[in-house]
């Protein structure tokens, strides 16, 4: 479990480090997922994604099975893939907000890791 958490945290750092240039800011979509809800949703999606990446070495199998595994998370938060994608595009165009979202997720994962020790 620790390895999975460290892998996920490392991925977050790589993603944040790769975001060194400014995106054109998009206007908020009408169905924007609120930031606090989006943070919770993304946290759960990232855990499932990390688990599938760790369990399946075949990229094709991983990419085919992941969307189905994420559906219960979308249902829990009452969103669909289109709304998730438009919200992700919006937050991705705002680096400061996205960094804050990922930092909150990382803090939560760190606390969970400490609790499991």
C-alpha atoms as a PDB file:
ATOM      1  CA  UNK A   1       0.000   0.000   0.000  1.00  0.00           C
ATOM      2  CA  UNK A   2       2.870   2.369   0.804  1.00  0.00           C
ATOM      3  CA  UNK A   3       4.388   1.810  -2.630  1.00  0.00           C
ATOM      4  CA  UNK A   4       1.077   2.650  -4.262  1.00  0.00           C
ATOM      5  CA  UNK A   5       0.805   5.902  -2.299  1.00  0.00           C
ATOM      6  CA  UNK A   6       4.390   6.911  -3.088  1.00  0.00           C
ATOM      7  CA  UNK A   7       3.801   6.126  -6.772  1.00  0.00           C
ATOM      8  CA  UNK A   8       0.709   8.305  -6.762  1.00  0.00           C
ATOM      9  CA  UNK A   9       2.472  11.169  -4.970  1.00  0.00           C
ATOM     10  CA  UNK A  10       5.397  10.949  -7.397  1.00  0.00           C
ATOM     11  CA  UNK A  11       2.987  11.164 -10.315  1.00  0.00           C
ATOM     12  CA  UNK A  12       1.460  14.303  -8.824  1.00  0.00           C
ATOM     13  CA  UNK A  13       4.892  15.951  -8.534  1.00  0.00           C
ATOM     14  CA  UNK A  14       5.716  15.056 -12.135  1.00  0.00           C
ATOM     15  CA  UNK A  15       2.422  16.462 -13.328  1.00  0.00           C
ATOM     16  CA  UNK A  16       2.886  19.681 -11.402  1.00  0.00           C
ATOM     17  CA  UNK A  17       6.477  20.028 -12.566  1.00  0.00           C
ATOM     18  CA  UNK A  18       5.411  19.603 -16.181  1.00  0.00           C
ATOM     19  CA  UNK A  19       2.974  22.512 -15.854  1.00  0.00           C
ATOM     20  CA  UNK A  20       5.532  25.261 -16.229  1.00  0.00           C
ATOM     21  CA  UNK A  21       3.873  27.338 -18.901  1.00  0.00           C
ATOM     22  CA  UNK A  22       0.648  29.321 -18.807  1.00  0.00           C
ATOM     23  CA  UNK A  23      -2.508  27.956 -20.410  1.00  0.00           C
ATOM     24  CA  UNK A  24      -5.189  30.157 -21.879  1.00  0.00           C
ATOM     25  CA  UNK A  25      -7.798  30.425 -19.171  1.00  0.00           C
ATOM     26  CA  UNK A  26     -11.117  28.949 -20.144  1.00  0.00           C
ATOM     27  CA  UNK A  27     -14.404  30.328 -18.990  1.00  0.00           C
ATOM     28  CA  UNK A  28     -16.274  28.222 -16.468  1.00  0.00           C
ATOM     29  CA  UNK A  29     -18.643  25.726 -18.063  1.00  0.00           C
ATOM     30  CA  UNK A  30     -22.285  25.954 -17.031  1.00  0.00           C
ATOM     31  CA  UNK A  31     -22.026  22.565 -15.347  1.00  0.00           C
ATOM     32  CA  UNK A  32     -18.699  23.160 -13.578  1.00  0.00           C
ATOM     33  CA  UNK A  33     -18.101  20.773 -10.697  1.00  0.00           C
ATOM     34  CA  UNK A  34     -17.431  22.901  -7.592  1.00  0.00           C
ATOM     35  CA  UNK A  35     -13.784  22.895  -6.556  1.00  0.00           C
ATOM     36  CA  UNK A  36     -14.288  21.064  -3.257  1.00  0.00           C
ATOM     37  CA  UNK A  37     -16.378  18.341  -4.910  1.00  0.00           C
ATOM     38  CA  UNK A  38     -13.970  18.103  -7.834  1.00  0.00           C
ATOM     39  CA  UNK A  39     -11.080  17.625  -5.397  1.00  0.00           C
ATOM     40  CA  UNK A  40     -12.838  14.721  -3.682  1.00  0.00           C
ATOM     41  CA  UNK A  41     -13.845  13.170  -6.999  1.00  0.00           C
ATOM     42  CA  UNK A  42     -10.355  13.509  -8.496  1.00  0.00           C
ATOM     43  CA  UNK A  43      -8.830  12.009  -5.356  1.00  0.00           C
ATOM     44  CA  UNK A  44     -10.945   8.879  -5.752  1.00  0.00           C
ATOM     45  CA  UNK A  45     -10.334   8.696  -9.508  1.00  0.00           C
ATOM     46  CA  UNK A  46      -6.577   8.937  -8.971  1.00  0.00           C
ATOM     47  CA  UNK A  47      -6.603   6.109  -6.430  1.00  0.00           C
ATOM     48  CA  UNK A  48      -8.541   3.823  -8.790  1.00  0.00           C
ATOM     49  CA  UNK A  49      -6.304   4.824 -11.702  1.00  0.00           C
ATOM     50  CA  UNK A  50      -3.168   4.138  -9.667  1.00  0.00           C
ATOM     51  CA  UNK A  51      -4.506   0.751  -8.593  1.00  0.00           C
ATOM     52  CA  UNK A  52      -5.270  -0.241 -12.186  1.00  0.00           C
ATOM     53  CA  UNK A  53      -1.875   0.942 -13.408  1.00  0.00           C
ATOM     54  CA  UNK A  54      -0.218  -1.120 -10.711  1.00  0.00           C
ATOM     55  CA  UNK A  55      -2.313  -4.248 -11.358  1.00  0.00           C
ATOM     56  CA  UNK A  56      -2.267  -4.304 -15.163  1.00  0.00           C
ATOM     57  CA  UNK A  57       0.930  -4.137 -17.120  1.00  0.00           C
ATOM     58  CA  UNK A  58      -0.950  -4.216 -20.424  1.00  0.00           C
ATOM     59  CA  UNK A  59      -1.793  -0.612 -21.305  1.00  0.00           C
ATOM     60  CA  UNK A  60      -4.638  -1.635 -23.610  1.00  0.00           C
ATOM     61  CA  UNK A  61      -6.339  -3.708 -20.890  1.00  0.00           C
ATOM     62  CA  UNK A  62      -5.828  -0.881 -18.422  1.00  0.00           C
ATOM     63  CA  UNK A  63      -7.309   1.741 -20.728  1.00  0.00           C
ATOM     64  CA  UNK A  64     -10.306  -0.460 -21.528  1.00  0.00           C
ATOM     65  CA  UNK A  65     -11.154  -1.413 -17.941  1.00  0.00           C
ATOM     66  CA  UNK A  66     -10.535   1.927 -16.208  1.00  0.00           C
ATOM     67  CA  UNK A  67     -13.606   3.829 -17.487  1.00  0.00           C
ATOM     68  CA  UNK A  68     -15.920   1.133 -16.158  1.00  0.00           C
ATOM     69  CA  UNK A  69     -14.138   1.155 -12.796  1.00  0.00           C
ATOM     70  CA  UNK A  70     -14.548   4.922 -12.500  1.00  0.00           C
ATOM     71  CA  UNK A  71     -18.293   4.905 -13.244  1.00  0.00           C
ATOM     72  CA  UNK A  72     -19.315   4.244  -9.604  1.00  0.00           C
ATOM     73  CA  UNK A  73     -17.277   7.298  -8.559  1.00  0.00           C
ATOM     74  CA  UNK A  74     -19.041   9.446 -11.146  1.00  0.00           C
ATOM     75  CA  UNK A  75     -22.393   8.099  -9.954  1.00  0.00           C
ATOM     76  CA  UNK A  76     -21.482   8.852  -6.342  1.00  0.00           C
ATOM     77  CA  UNK A  77     -20.840  12.507  -7.222  1.00  0.00           C
ATOM     78  CA  UNK A  78     -23.681  12.650  -9.770  1.00  0.00           C
ATOM     79  CA  UNK A  79     -21.452  13.599 -12.722  1.00  0.00           C
ATOM     80  CA  UNK A  80     -20.820  12.120 -16.138  1.00  0.00           C
ATOM     81  CA  UNK A  81     -17.612  11.863 -18.130  1.00  0.00           C
ATOM     82  CA  UNK A  82     -18.457  14.953 -20.182  1.00  0.00           C
ATOM     83  CA  UNK A  83     -18.968  17.112 -17.098  1.00  0.00           C
ATOM     84  CA  UNK A  84     -15.802  15.702 -15.533  1.00  0.00           C
ATOM     85  CA  UNK A  85     -13.797  16.451 -18.709  1.00  0.00           C
ATOM     86  CA  UNK A  86     -15.103  20.014 -19.020  1.00  0.00           C
ATOM     87  CA  UNK A  87     -14.381  20.674 -15.343  1.00  0.00           C
ATOM     88  CA  UNK A  88     -10.887  19.172 -15.680  1.00  0.00           C
ATOM     89  CA  UNK A  89     -10.228  21.395 -18.704  1.00  0.00           C
ATOM     90  CA  UNK A  90     -11.379  24.435 -16.740  1.00  0.00           C
ATOM     91  CA  UNK A  91      -9.229  23.706 -13.677  1.00  0.00           C
ATOM     92  CA  UNK A  92      -6.279  22.718 -15.885  1.00  0.00           C
ATOM     93  CA  UNK A  93      -6.371  26.155 -17.463  1.00  0.00           C
ATOM     94  CA  UNK A  94      -5.941  27.649 -13.977  1.00  0.00           C
ATOM     95  CA  UNK A  95      -2.626  26.338 -12.737  1.00  0.00           C
ATOM     96  CA  UNK A  96      -2.848  27.893  -9.290  1.00  0.00           C
ATOM     97  CA  UNK A  97      -6.205  26.245  -8.613  1.00  0.00           C
ATOM     98  CA  UNK A  98      -5.059  22.906 -10.022  1.00  0.00           C
ATOM     99  CA  UNK A  99      -1.908  22.978  -7.895  1.00  0.00           C
ATOM    100  CA  UNK A 100      -4.074  23.684  -4.848  1.00  0.00           C
ATOM    101  CA  UNK A 101      -6.355  20.752  -5.745  1.00  0.00           C
ATOM    102  CA  UNK A 102      -3.426  18.367  -6.164  1.00  0.00           C
ATOM    103  CA  UNK A 103      -1.825  19.638  -2.950  1.00  0.00           C
ATOM    104  CA  UNK A 104      -5.015  18.896  -1.033  1.00  0.00           C
ATOM    105  CA  UNK A 105      -5.109  15.409  -2.551  1.00  0.00           C
ATOM    106  CA  UNK A 106      -1.460  14.839  -1.695  1.00  0.00           C
ATOM    107  CA  UNK A 107      -2.014  16.005   1.891  1.00  0.00           C
ATOM    108  CA  UNK A 108      -4.932  13.610   2.211  1.00  0.00           C
ATOM    109  CA  UNK A 109      -2.915  10.721   0.792  1.00  0.00           C
ATOM    110  CA  UNK A 110      -0.039  11.506   3.131  1.00  0.00           C
ATOM    111  CA  UNK A 111      -2.367  11.488   6.123  1.00  0.00           C
ATOM    112  CA  UNK A 112      -3.876   8.181   4.974  1.00  0.00           C
ATOM    113  CA  UNK A 113      -0.404   6.683   4.571  1.00  0.00           C
ATOM    114  CA  UNK A 114       0.583   7.772   8.074  1.00  0.00           C
ATOM    115  CA  UNK A 115      -2.622   6.252   9.481  1.00  0.00           C
ATOM    116  CA  UNK A 116      -1.814   2.872   7.866  1.00  0.00           C
ATOM    117  CA  UNK A 117       1.662   2.705   9.413  1.00  0.00           C
END
